[in-house]
Amino acid sequence: MSDAGEGLVDADGRIQERMDEIEEARKRARLWTVHGDPEKLQRLESLRLARADLERQFEATAHETRRGQLRDAMTALDGQAETLHENPTSSKKPSRSKKPPRPKK
């Protein structure tokens, strides 16, 4: 009888883990969603694809230094995606400040 009880506990644990994974996936999906601006959608899709590629590399890599680099890169991509969400009115890439022209002698 105890084996059946352990099986139920294991099943409950697996169900809870799966529910946690689904909730995390939903949170990520909300992060990677932008409505209305086609340019932002394109940039966001590009970031999403780049992150998926980095995740694939991360899973296949055993070297800790490389895994750290990939983790940093994924964090940077997440930051860029967050920036797209924080600035809903800004549809253009941030412009780089140009140096003022030199005065003529």
PDB file of N, CA and C in Angstrom:
ATOM      1  N   MET A   1       0.814  -1.190   0.000  1.00  0.00           N
ATOM      2  CA  MET A   1       0.000   0.000   0.000  1.00  0.00           C
ATOM      3  C   MET A   1       0.862   1.259   0.000  1.00  0.00           C
ATOM      4  N   SER A   2       2.026   1.178   0.639  1.00  0.00           N
ATOM      5  CA  SER A   2       2.876   2.363   0.689  1.00  0.00           C
ATOM      6  C   SER A   2       3.428   2.715  -0.688  1.00  0.00           C
ATOM      7  N   ASP A   3       3.643   1.731  -1.551  1.00  0.00           N
ATOM      8  CA  ASP A   3       4.120   2.011  -2.901  1.00  0.00           C
ATOM      9  C   ASP A   3       3.099   2.832  -3.679  1.00  0.00           C
ATOM     10  N   ALA A   4       1.830   2.540  -3.518  1.00  0.00           N
ATOM     11  CA  ALA A   4       0.787   3.297  -4.202  1.00  0.00           C
ATOM     12  C   ALA A   4       0.759   4.732  -3.697  1.00  0.00           C
ATOM     13  N   GLY A   5       0.930   4.893  -2.404  1.00  0.00           N
ATOM     14  CA  GLY A   5       0.951   6.244  -1.833  1.00  0.00           C
ATOM     15  C   GLY A   5       2.142   7.042  -2.334  1.00  0.00           C
ATOM     16  N   GLU A   6       3.290   6.400  -2.436  1.00  0.00           N
ATOM     17  CA  GLU A   6       4.482   7.080  -2.957  1.00  0.00           C
ATOM     18  C   GLU A   6       4.281   7.475  -4.410  1.00  0.00           C
ATOM     19  N   GLY A   7       3.611   6.616  -5.164  1.00  0.00           N
ATOM     20  CA  GLY A   7       3.337   6.935  -6.562  1.00  0.00           C
ATOM     21  C   GLY A   7       2.471   8.164  -6.688  1.00  0.00           C
ATOM     22  N   LEU A   8       1.497   8.315  -5.806  1.00  0.00           N
ATOM     23  CA  LEU A   8       0.638   9.506  -5.824  1.00  0.00           C
ATOM     24  C   LEU A   8       1.419  10.759  -5.460  1.00  0.00           C
ATOM     25  N   VAL A   9       2.292  10.638  -4.472  1.00  0.00           N
ATOM     26  CA  VAL A   9       3.113  11.780  -4.073  1.00  0.00           C
ATOM     27  C   VAL A   9       4.031  12.176  -5.228  1.00  0.00           C
ATOM     28  N   ASP A  10       4.641  11.196  -5.880  1.00  0.00           N
ATOM     29  CA  ASP A  10       5.506  11.478  -7.025  1.00  0.00           C
ATOM     30  C   ASP A  10       4.718  12.142  -8.145  1.00  0.00           C
ATOM     31  N   ALA A  11       3.522  11.631  -8.415  1.00  0.00           N
ATOM     32  CA  ALA A  11       2.692  12.207  -9.468  1.00  0.00           C
ATOM     33  C   ALA A  11       2.312  13.637  -9.121  1.00  0.00           C
ATOM     34  N   ASP A  12       1.960  13.886  -7.861  1.00  0.00           N
ATOM     35  CA  ASP A  12       1.629  15.248  -7.437  1.00  0.00           C
ATOM     36  C   ASP A  12       2.829  16.175  -7.617  1.00  0.00           C
ATOM     37  N   GLY A  13       4.007  15.680  -7.284  1.00  0.00           N
ATOM     38  CA  GLY A  13       5.224  16.484  -7.449  1.00  0.00           C
ATOM     39  C   GLY A  13       5.491  16.820  -8.904  1.00  0.00           C
ATOM     40  N   ARG A  14       5.312  15.831  -9.768  1.00  0.00           N
ATOM     41  CA  ARG A  14       5.515  16.073 -11.210  1.00  0.00           C
ATOM     42  C   ARG A  14       4.484  17.055 -11.749  1.00  0.00           C
ATOM     43  N   ILE A  15       3.252  16.917 -11.291  1.00  0.00           N
ATOM     44  CA  ILE A  15       2.196  17.839 -11.738  1.00  0.00           C
ATOM     45  C   ILE A  15       2.527  19.261 -11.295  1.00  0.00           C
ATOM     46  N   GLN A  16       2.963  19.424 -10.049  1.00  0.00           N
ATOM     47  CA  GLN A  16       3.305  20.755  -9.545  1.00  0.00           C
ATOM     48  C   GLN A  16       4.481  21.344 -10.321  1.00  0.00           C
ATOM     49  N   GLU A  17       5.495  20.523 -10.610  1.00  0.00           N
ATOM     50  CA  GLU A  17       6.636  21.001 -11.397  1.00  0.00           C
ATOM     51  C   GLU A  17       6.181  21.457 -12.773  1.00  0.00           C
ATOM     52  N   ARG A  18       5.314  20.675 -13.394  1.00  0.00           N
ATOM     53  CA  ARG A  18       4.821  21.025 -14.732  1.00  0.00           C
ATOM     54  C   ARG A  18       4.011  22.319 -14.686  1.00  0.00           C
ATOM     55  N   MET A  19       3.200  22.500 -13.638  1.00  0.00           N
ATOM     56  CA  MET A  19       2.421  23.736 -13.503  1.00  0.00           C
ATOM     57  C   MET A  19       3.348  24.934 -13.329  1.00  0.00           C
ATOM     58  N   ASP A  20       4.430  24.749 -12.571  1.00  0.00           N
ATOM     59  CA  ASP A  20       5.408  25.822 -12.395  1.00  0.00           C
ATOM     60  C   ASP A  20       6.081  26.159 -13.728  1.00  0.00           C
ATOM     61  N   GLU A  21       6.420  25.135 -14.510  1.00  0.00           N
ATOM     62  CA  GLU A  21       7.031  25.362 -15.822  1.00  0.00           C
ATOM     63  C   GLU A  21       6.088  26.124 -16.742  1.00  0.00           C
ATOM     64  N   ILE A  22       4.811  25.764 -16.722  1.00  0.00           N
ATOM     65  CA  ILE A  22       3.823  26.446 -17.572  1.00  0.00           C
ATOM     66  C   ILE A  22       3.686  27.902 -17.160  1.00  0.00           C
ATOM     67  N   GLU A  23       3.638  28.164 -15.856  1.00  0.00           N
ATOM     68  CA  GLU A  23       3.530  29.544 -15.375  1.00  0.00           C
ATOM     69  C   GLU A  23       4.757  30.361 -15.794  1.00  0.00           C
ATOM     70  N   GLU A  24       5.937  29.772 -15.689  1.00  0.00           N
ATOM     71  CA  GLU A  24       7.162  30.463 -16.111  1.00  0.00           C
ATOM     72  C   GLU A  24       7.121  30.754 -17.608  1.00  0.00           C
ATOM     73  N   ALA A  25       6.647  29.805 -18.394  1.00  0.00           N
ATOM     74  CA  ALA A  25       6.532  30.007 -19.844  1.00  0.00           C
ATOM     75  C   ALA A  25       5.558  31.135 -20.154  1.00  0.00           C
ATOM     76  N   ARG A  26       4.473  31.218 -19.399  1.00  0.00           N
ATOM     77  CA  ARG A  26       3.508  32.314 -19.606  1.00  0.00           C
ATOM     78  C   ARG A  26       4.135  33.661 -19.288  1.00  0.00           C
ATOM     79  N   LYS A  27       4.913  33.715 -18.213  1.00  0.00           N
ATOM     80  CA  LYS A  27       5.582  34.971 -17.852  1.00  0.00           C
ATOM     81  C   LYS A  27       6.540  35.396 -18.961  1.00  0.00           C
ATOM     82  N   ARG A  28       7.313  34.422 -19.477  1.00  0.00           N
ATOM     83  CA  ARG A  28       8.236  34.730 -20.570  1.00  0.00           C
ATOM     84  C   ARG A  28       7.488  35.180 -21.819  1.00  0.00           C
ATOM     85  N   ALA A  29       6.349  34.550 -22.102  1.00  0.00           N
ATOM     86  CA  ALA A  29       5.569  34.902 -23.290  1.00  0.00           C
ATOM     87  C   ALA A  29       5.071  36.336 -23.175  1.00  0.00           C
ATOM     88  N   ARG A  30       4.658  36.742 -21.975  1.00  0.00           N
ATOM     89  CA  ARG A  30       4.217  38.128 -21.793  1.00  0.00           C
ATOM     90  C   ARG A  30       5.372  39.094 -22.013  1.00  0.00           C
ATOM     91  N   LEU A  31       6.554  38.708 -21.583  1.00  0.00           N
ATOM     92  CA  LEU A  31       7.726  39.558 -21.774  1.00  0.00           C
ATOM     93  C   LEU A  31       8.019  39.749 -23.261  1.00  0.00           C
ATOM     94  N   TRP A  32       7.792  38.696 -24.049  1.00  0.00           N
ATOM     95  CA  TRP A  32       8.148  38.718 -25.460  1.00  0.00           C
ATOM     96  C   TRP A  32       6.968  39.086 -26.355  1.00  0.00           C
ATOM     97  N   THR A  33       6.000  39.877 -25.864  1.00  0.00           N
ATOM     98  CA  THR A  33       4.846  40.243 -26.669  1.00  0.00           C
ATOM     99  C   THR A  33       4.739  41.762 -26.771  1.00  0.00           C
ATOM    100  N   VAL A  34       4.586  42.262 -27.975  1.00  0.00           N
ATOM    101  CA  VAL A  34       4.369  43.684 -28.222  1.00  0.00           C
ATOM    102  C   VAL A  34       3.252  43.788 -29.244  1.00  0.00           C
ATOM    103  N   HIS A  35       2.334  44.703 -29.011  1.00  0.00           N
ATOM    104  CA  HIS A  35       1.214  44.856 -29.932  1.00  0.00           C
ATOM    105  C   HIS A  35       1.326  46.163 -30.704  1.00  0.00           C
ATOM    106  N   GLY A  36       0.946  46.136 -31.974  1.00  0.00           N
ATOM    107  CA  GLY A  36       0.754  47.363 -32.733  1.00  0.00           C
ATOM    108  C   GLY A  36       1.891  47.818 -33.620  1.00  0.00           C
ATOM    109  N   ASP A  37       3.102  47.815 -33.164  1.00  0.00           N
ATOM    110  CA  ASP A  37       4.212  48.387 -33.921  1.00  0.00           C
ATOM    111  C   ASP A  37       4.958  47.286 -34.670  1.00  0.00           C
ATOM    112  N   PRO A  38       4.847  47.260 -36.011  1.00  0.00           N
ATOM    113  CA  PRO A  38       5.497  46.187 -36.771  1.00  0.00           C
ATOM    114  C   PRO A  38       7.022  46.176 -36.615  1.00  0.00           C
ATOM    115  N   GLU A  39       7.625  47.354 -36.500  1.00  0.00           N
ATOM    116  CA  GLU A  39       9.083  47.413 -36.343  1.00  0.00           C
ATOM    117  C   GLU A  39       9.504  46.785 -35.007  1.00  0.00           C
ATOM    118  N   LYS A  40       8.754  47.103 -33.954  1.00  0.00           N
ATOM    119  CA  LYS A  40       9.055  46.520 -32.653  1.00  0.00           C
ATOM    120  C   LYS A  40       8.811  45.018 -32.669  1.00  0.00           C
ATOM    121  N   LEU A  41       7.749  44.602 -33.334  1.00  0.00           N
ATOM    122  CA  LEU A  41       7.463  43.177 -33.436  1.00  0.00           C
ATOM    123  C   LEU A  41       8.611  42.445 -34.118  1.00  0.00           C
ATOM    124  N   GLN A  42       9.148  43.061 -35.176  1.00  0.00           N
ATOM    125  CA  GLN A  42      10.255  42.440 -35.898  1.00  0.00           C
ATOM    126  C   GLN A  42      11.499  42.357 -35.007  1.00  0.00           C
ATOM    127  N   ARG A  43      11.803  43.453 -34.301  1.00  0.00           N
ATOM    128  CA  ARG A  43      12.969  43.442 -33.409  1.00  0.00           C
ATOM    129  C   ARG A  43      12.781  42.438 -32.283  1.00  0.00           C
ATOM    130  N   LEU A  44      11.572  42.374 -31.752  1.00  0.00           N
ATOM    131  CA  LEU A  44      11.288  41.439 -30.673  1.00  0.00           C
ATOM    132  C   LEU A  44      11.401  39.990 -31.148  1.00  0.00           C
ATOM    133  N   GLU A  45      10.911  39.720 -32.341  1.00  0.00           N
ATOM    134  CA  GLU A  45      11.015  38.375 -32.901  1.00  0.00           C
ATOM    135  C   GLU A  45      12.482  38.004 -33.119  1.00  0.00           C
ATOM    136  N   SER A  46      13.277  38.956 -33.573  1.00  0.00           N
ATOM    137  CA  SER A  46      14.706  38.720 -33.761  1.00  0.00           C
ATOM    138  C   SER A  46      15.375  38.401 -32.422  1.00  0.00           C
ATOM    139  N   LEU A  47      15.023  39.162 -31.381  1.00  0.00           N
ATOM    140  CA  LEU A  47      15.575  38.895 -30.048  1.00  0.00           C
ATOM    141  C   LEU A  47      15.136  37.525 -29.541  1.00  0.00           C
ATOM    142  N   ARG A  48      13.873  37.165 -29.787  1.00  0.00           N
ATOM    143  CA  ARG A  48      13.356  35.883 -29.334  1.00  0.00           C
ATOM    144  C   ARG A  48      14.093  34.728 -30.011  1.00  0.00           C
ATOM    145  N   LEU A  49      14.325  34.857 -31.325  1.00  0.00           N
ATOM    146  CA  LEU A  49      15.036  33.807 -32.053  1.00  0.00           C
ATOM    147  C   LEU A  49      16.486  33.698 -31.591  1.00  0.00           C
ATOM    148  N   ALA A  50      17.114  34.840 -31.338  1.00  0.00           N
ATOM    149  CA  ALA A  50      18.494  34.830 -30.850  1.00  0.00           C
ATOM    150  C   ALA A  50      18.560  34.157 -29.484  1.00  0.00           C
ATOM    151  N   ARG A  51      17.577  34.446 -28.632  1.00  0.00           N
ATOM    152  CA  ARG A  51      17.570  33.833 -27.308  1.00  0.00           C
ATOM    153  C   ARG A  51      17.347  32.324 -27.407  1.00  0.00           C
ATOM    154  N   ALA A  52      16.480  31.905 -28.307  1.00  0.00           N
ATOM    155  CA  ALA A  52      16.237  30.470 -28.490  1.00  0.00           C
ATOM    156  C   ALA A  52      17.524  29.764 -28.932  1.00  0.00           C
ATOM    157  N   ASP A  53      18.284  30.410 -29.809  1.00  0.00           N
ATOM    158  CA  ASP A  53      19.549  29.832 -30.253  1.00  0.00           C
ATOM    159  C   ASP A  53      20.539  29.749 -29.092  1.00  0.00           C
ATOM    160  N   LEU A  54      20.587  30.808 -28.268  1.00  0.00           N
ATOM    161  CA  LEU A  54      21.489  30.785 -27.109  1.00  0.00           C
ATOM    162  C   LEU A  54      21.074  29.711 -26.107  1.00  0.00           C
ATOM    163  N   GLU A  55      19.766  29.521 -25.911  1.00  0.00           N
ATOM    164  CA  GLU A  55      19.291  28.469 -25.012  1.00  0.00           C
ATOM    165  C   GLU A  55      19.713  27.089 -25.524  1.00  0.00           C
ATOM    166  N   ARG A  56      19.614  26.895 -26.847  1.00  0.00           N
ATOM    167  CA  ARG A  56      20.012  25.626 -27.440  1.00  0.00           C
ATOM    168  C   ARG A  56      21.501  25.385 -27.208  1.00  0.00           C
ATOM    169  N   GLN A  57      22.317  26.428 -27.420  1.00  0.00           N
ATOM    170  CA  GLN A  57      23.754  26.300 -27.193  1.00  0.00           C
ATOM    171  C   GLN A  57      24.058  26.025 -25.721  1.00  0.00           C
ATOM    172  N   PHE A  58      23.317  26.705 -24.834  1.00  0.00           N
ATOM    173  CA  PHE A  58      23.518  26.541 -23.399  1.00  0.00           C
ATOM    174  C   PHE A  58      23.271  25.098 -22.978  1.00  0.00           C
ATOM    175  N   GLU A  59      22.206  24.512 -23.491  1.00  0.00           N
ATOM    176  CA  GLU A  59      21.874  23.127 -23.148  1.00  0.00           C
ATOM    177  C   GLU A  59      22.931  22.146 -23.669  1.00  0.00           C
ATOM    178  N   ALA A  60      23.567  22.476 -24.788  1.00  0.00           N
ATOM    179  CA  ALA A  60      24.534  21.564 -25.397  1.00  0.00           C
ATOM    180  C   ALA A  60      25.960  21.769 -24.883  1.00  0.00           C
ATOM    181  N   THR A  61      26.189  22.833 -24.115  1.00  0.00           N
ATOM    182  CA  THR A  61      27.541  23.164 -23.679  1.00  0.00           C
ATOM    183  C   THR A  61      27.806  22.665 -22.265  1.00  0.00           C
ATOM    184  N   ALA A  62      28.956  22.041 -22.086  1.00  0.00           N
ATOM    185  CA  ALA A  62      29.347  21.549 -20.762  1.00  0.00           C
ATOM    186  C   ALA A  62      30.370  22.468 -20.098  1.00  0.00           C
ATOM    187  N   HIS A  63      31.075  23.266 -20.877  1.00  0.00           N
ATOM    188  CA  HIS A  63      32.137  24.117 -20.353  1.00  0.00           C
ATOM    189  C   HIS A  63      31.530  25.287 -19.571  1.00  0.00           C
ATOM    190  N   GLU A  64      31.901  25.419 -18.305  1.00  0.00           N
ATOM    191  CA  GLU A  64      31.274  26.411 -17.424  1.00  0.00           C
ATOM    192  C   GLU A  64      31.531  27.849 -17.871  1.00  0.00           C
ATOM    193  N   THR A  65      32.702  28.136 -18.398  1.00  0.00           N
ATOM    194  CA  THR A  65      32.988  29.493 -18.852  1.00  0.00           C
ATOM    195  C   THR A  65      32.061  29.876 -20.000  1.00  0.00           C
ATOM    196  N   ARG A  66      31.903  28.972 -20.938  1.00  0.00           N
ATOM    197  CA  ARG A  66      31.004  29.229 -22.074  1.00  0.00           C
ATOM    198  C   ARG A  66      29.555  29.354 -21.610  1.00  0.00           C
ATOM    199  N   ARG A  67      29.169  28.524 -20.655  1.00  0.00           N
ATOM    200  CA  ARG A  67      27.799  28.606 -20.126  1.00  0.00           C
ATOM    201  C   ARG A  67      27.564  29.964 -19.477  1.00  0.00           C
ATOM    202  N   GLY A  68      28.572  30.481 -18.795  1.00  0.00           N
ATOM    203  CA  GLY A  68      28.465  31.813 -18.189  1.00  0.00           C
ATOM    204  C   GLY A  68      28.304  32.895 -19.247  1.00  0.00           C
ATOM    205  N   GLN A  69      29.070  32.768 -20.328  1.00  0.00           N
ATOM    206  CA  GLN A  69      28.950  33.732 -21.423  1.00  0.00           C
ATOM    207  C   GLN A  69      27.555  33.685 -22.028  1.00  0.00           C
ATOM    208  N   LEU A  70      27.044  32.490 -22.234  1.00  0.00           N
ATOM    209  CA  LEU A  70      25.703  32.333 -22.811  1.00  0.00           C
ATOM    210  C   LEU A  70      24.639  32.884 -21.862  1.00  0.00           C
ATOM    211  N   ARG A  71      24.808  32.644 -20.569  1.00  0.00           N
ATOM    212  CA  ARG A  71      23.873  33.163 -19.569  1.00  0.00           C
ATOM    213  C   ARG A  71      23.862  34.686 -19.610  1.00  0.00           C
ATOM    214  N   ASP A  72      25.048  35.304 -19.701  1.00  0.00           N
ATOM    215  CA  ASP A  72      25.144  36.762 -19.782  1.00  0.00           C
ATOM    216  C   ASP A  72      24.472  37.289 -21.043  1.00  0.00           C
ATOM    217  N   ALA A  73      24.682  36.593 -22.145  1.00  0.00           N
ATOM    218  CA  ALA A  73      24.080  37.019 -23.416  1.00  0.00           C
ATOM    219  C   ALA A  73      22.553  36.932 -23.345  1.00  0.00           C
ATOM    220  N   MET A  74      22.030  35.871 -22.720  1.00  0.00           N
ATOM    221  CA  MET A  74      20.573  35.745 -22.594  1.00  0.00           C
ATOM    222  C   MET A  74      20.014  36.846 -21.694  1.00  0.00           C
ATOM    223  N   THR A  75      20.750  37.188 -20.654  1.00  0.00           N
ATOM    224  CA  THR A  75      20.325  38.275 -19.765  1.00  0.00           C
ATOM    225  C   THR A  75      20.291  39.596 -20.525  1.00  0.00           C
ATOM    226  N   ALA A  76      21.284  39.822 -21.371  1.00  0.00           N
ATOM    227  CA  ALA A  76      21.317  41.045 -22.173  1.00  0.00           C
ATOM    228  C   ALA A  76      20.127  41.095 -23.138  1.00  0.00           C
ATOM    229  N   LEU A  77      19.808  39.973 -23.762  1.00  0.00           N
ATOM    230  CA  LEU A  77      18.658  39.932 -24.674  1.00  0.00           C
ATOM    231  C   LEU A  77      17.356  40.198 -23.919  1.00  0.00           C
ATOM    232  N   ASP A  78      17.236  39.633 -22.725  1.00  0.00           N
ATOM    233  CA  ASP A  78      16.043  39.883 -21.911  1.00  0.00           C
ATOM    234  C   ASP A  78      15.932  41.368 -21.572  1.00  0.00           C
ATOM    235  N   GLY A  79      17.067  41.985 -21.283  1.00  0.00           N
ATOM    236  CA  GLY A  79      17.071  43.425 -20.990  1.00  0.00           C
ATOM    237  C   GLY A  79      16.626  44.253 -22.184  1.00  0.00           C
ATOM    238  N   GLN A  80      17.075  43.863 -23.376  1.00  0.00           N
ATOM    239  CA  GLN A  80      16.654  44.579 -24.575  1.00  0.00           C
ATOM    240  C   GLN A  80      15.155  44.421 -24.807  1.00  0.00           C
ATOM    241  N   ALA A  81      14.633  43.222 -24.568  1.00  0.00           N
ATOM    242  CA  ALA A  81      13.200  42.984 -24.726  1.00  0.00           C
ATOM    243  C   ALA A  81      12.419  43.811 -23.707  1.00  0.00           C
ATOM    244  N   GLU A  82      12.924  43.883 -22.485  1.00  0.00           N
ATOM    245  CA  GLU A  82      12.270  44.676 -21.452  1.00  0.00           C
ATOM    246  C   GLU A  82      12.250  46.149 -21.838  1.00  0.00           C
ATOM    247  N   THR A  83      13.340  46.625 -22.418  1.00  0.00           N
ATOM    248  CA  THR A  83      13.414  48.019 -22.850  1.00  0.00           C
ATOM    249  C   THR A  83      12.356  48.306 -23.911  1.00  0.00           C
ATOM    250  N   LEU A  84      12.137  47.364 -24.809  1.00  0.00           N
ATOM    251  CA  LEU A  84      11.089  47.547 -25.821  1.00  0.00           C
ATOM    252  C   LEU A  84       9.726  47.696 -25.162  1.00  0.00           C
ATOM    253  N   HIS A  85       9.489  46.980 -24.090  1.00  0.00           N
ATOM    254  CA  HIS A  85       8.208  47.059 -23.392  1.00  0.00           C
ATOM    255  C   HIS A  85       8.072  48.330 -22.572  1.00  0.00           C
ATOM    256  N   GLU A  86       9.173  48.812 -22.030  1.00  0.00           N
ATOM    257  CA  GLU A  86       9.131  49.997 -21.173  1.00  0.00           C
ATOM    258  C   GLU A  86       8.906  51.270 -21.969  1.00  0.00           C
ATOM    259  N   ASN A  87       9.292  51.284 -23.223  1.00  0.00           N
ATOM    260  CA  ASN A  87       9.152  52.466 -24.064  1.00  0.00           C
ATOM    261  C   ASN A  87       8.159  52.199 -25.181  1.00  0.00           C
ATOM    262  N   PRO A  88       6.857  52.103 -24.864  1.00  0.00           N
ATOM    263  CA  PRO A  88       5.886  51.749 -25.901  1.00  0.00           C
ATOM    264  C   PRO A  88       5.736  52.815 -26.981  1.00  0.00           C
ATOM    265  N   THR A  89       6.029  54.080 -26.684  1.00  0.00           N
ATOM    266  CA  THR A  89       5.870  55.128 -27.694  1.00  0.00           C
ATOM    267  C   THR A  89       7.096  55.275 -28.563  1.00  0.00           C
ATOM    268  N   SER A  90       8.221  54.811 -28.091  1.00  0.00           N
ATOM    269  CA  SER A  90       9.461  54.922 -28.849  1.00  0.00           C
ATOM    270  C   SER A  90       9.573  53.755 -29.817  1.00  0.00           C
ATOM    271  N   SER A  91       9.377  54.014 -31.109  1.00  0.00           N
ATOM    272  CA  SER A  91       9.433  52.928 -32.082  1.00  0.00           C
ATOM    273  C   SER A  91      10.782  52.855 -32.788  1.00  0.00           C
ATOM    274  N   LYS A  92      11.608  53.859 -32.576  1.00  0.00           N
ATOM    275  CA  LYS A  92      12.910  53.857 -33.240  1.00  0.00           C
ATOM    276  C   LYS A  92      13.985  53.418 -32.266  1.00  0.00           C
ATOM    277  N   LYS A  93      15.081  52.937 -32.832  1.00  0.00           N
ATOM    278  CA  LYS A  93      16.222  52.557 -32.012  1.00  0.00           C
ATOM    279  C   LYS A  93      16.790  53.823 -31.379  1.00  0.00           C
ATOM    280  N   PRO A  94      17.350  53.725 -30.184  1.00  0.00           N
ATOM    281  CA  PRO A  94      17.935  54.903 -29.566  1.00  0.00           C
ATOM    282  C   PRO A  94      19.064  55.447 -30.433  1.00  0.00           C
ATOM    283  N   SER A  95      19.026  56.739 -30.653  1.00  0.00           N
ATOM    284  CA  SER A  95      20.043  57.333 -31.508  1.00  0.00           C
ATOM    285  C   SER A  95      21.317  57.548 -30.708  1.00  0.00           C
ATOM    286  N   ARG A  96      22.410  57.386 -31.387  1.00  0.00           N
ATOM    287  CA  ARG A  96      23.691  57.615 -30.736  1.00  0.00           C
ATOM    288  C   ARG A  96      24.009  59.101 -30.854  1.00  0.00           C
ATOM    289  N   SER A  97      24.481  59.650 -29.771  1.00  0.00           N
ATOM    290  CA  SER A  97      24.783  61.079 -29.808  1.00  0.00           C
ATOM    291  C   SER A  97      26.027  61.299 -30.660  1.00  0.00           C
ATOM    292  N   LYS A  98      25.920  62.245 -31.533  1.00  0.00           N
ATOM    293  CA  LYS A  98      27.035  62.584 -32.405  1.00  0.00           C
ATOM    294  C   LYS A  98      27.824  63.721 -31.764  1.00  0.00           C
ATOM    295  N   LYS A  99      29.110  63.701 -32.030  1.00  0.00           N
ATOM    296  CA  LYS A  99      29.925  64.778 -31.512  1.00  0.00           C
ATOM    297  C   LYS A  99      29.644  66.031 -32.330  1.00  0.00           C
ATOM    298  N   PRO A 100      29.659  67.180 -31.680  1.00  0.00           N
ATOM    299  CA  PRO A 100      29.439  68.404 -32.437  1.00  0.00           C
ATOM    300  C   PRO A 100      30.605  68.630 -33.395  1.00  0.00           C
ATOM    301  N   PRO A 101      30.329  69.279 -34.528  1.00  0.00           N
ATOM    302  CA  PRO A 101      31.422  69.503 -35.486  1.00  0.00           C
ATOM    303  C   PRO A 101      32.497  70.378 -34.892  1.00  0.00           C
ATOM    304  N   ARG A 102      33.712  70.144 -35.342  1.00  0.00           N
ATOM    305  CA  ARG A 102      34.831  70.952 -34.861  1.00  0.00           C
ATOM    306  C   ARG A 102      34.741  72.370 -35.436  1.00  0.00           C
ATOM    307  N   PRO A 103      35.073  73.341 -34.638  1.00  0.00           N
ATOM    308  CA  PRO A 103      35.071  74.724 -35.174  1.00  0.00           C
ATOM    309  C   PRO A 103      36.210  74.887 -36.183  1.00  0.00           C
ATOM    310  N   LYS A 104      35.925  75.647 -37.217  1.00  0.00           N
ATOM    311  CA  LYS A 104      36.953  75.893 -38.255  1.00  0.00           C
ATOM    312  C   LYS A 104      37.925  76.930 -37.748  1.00  0.00           C
ATOM    313  N   LYS A 105      39.167  76.772 -38.158  1.00  0.00           N
ATOM    314  CA  LYS A 105      40.228  77.711 -37.734  1.00  0.00           C
ATOM    315  C   LYS A 105      40.386  78.816 -38.726  1.00  0.00           C
TER     316      LYS A 105
END
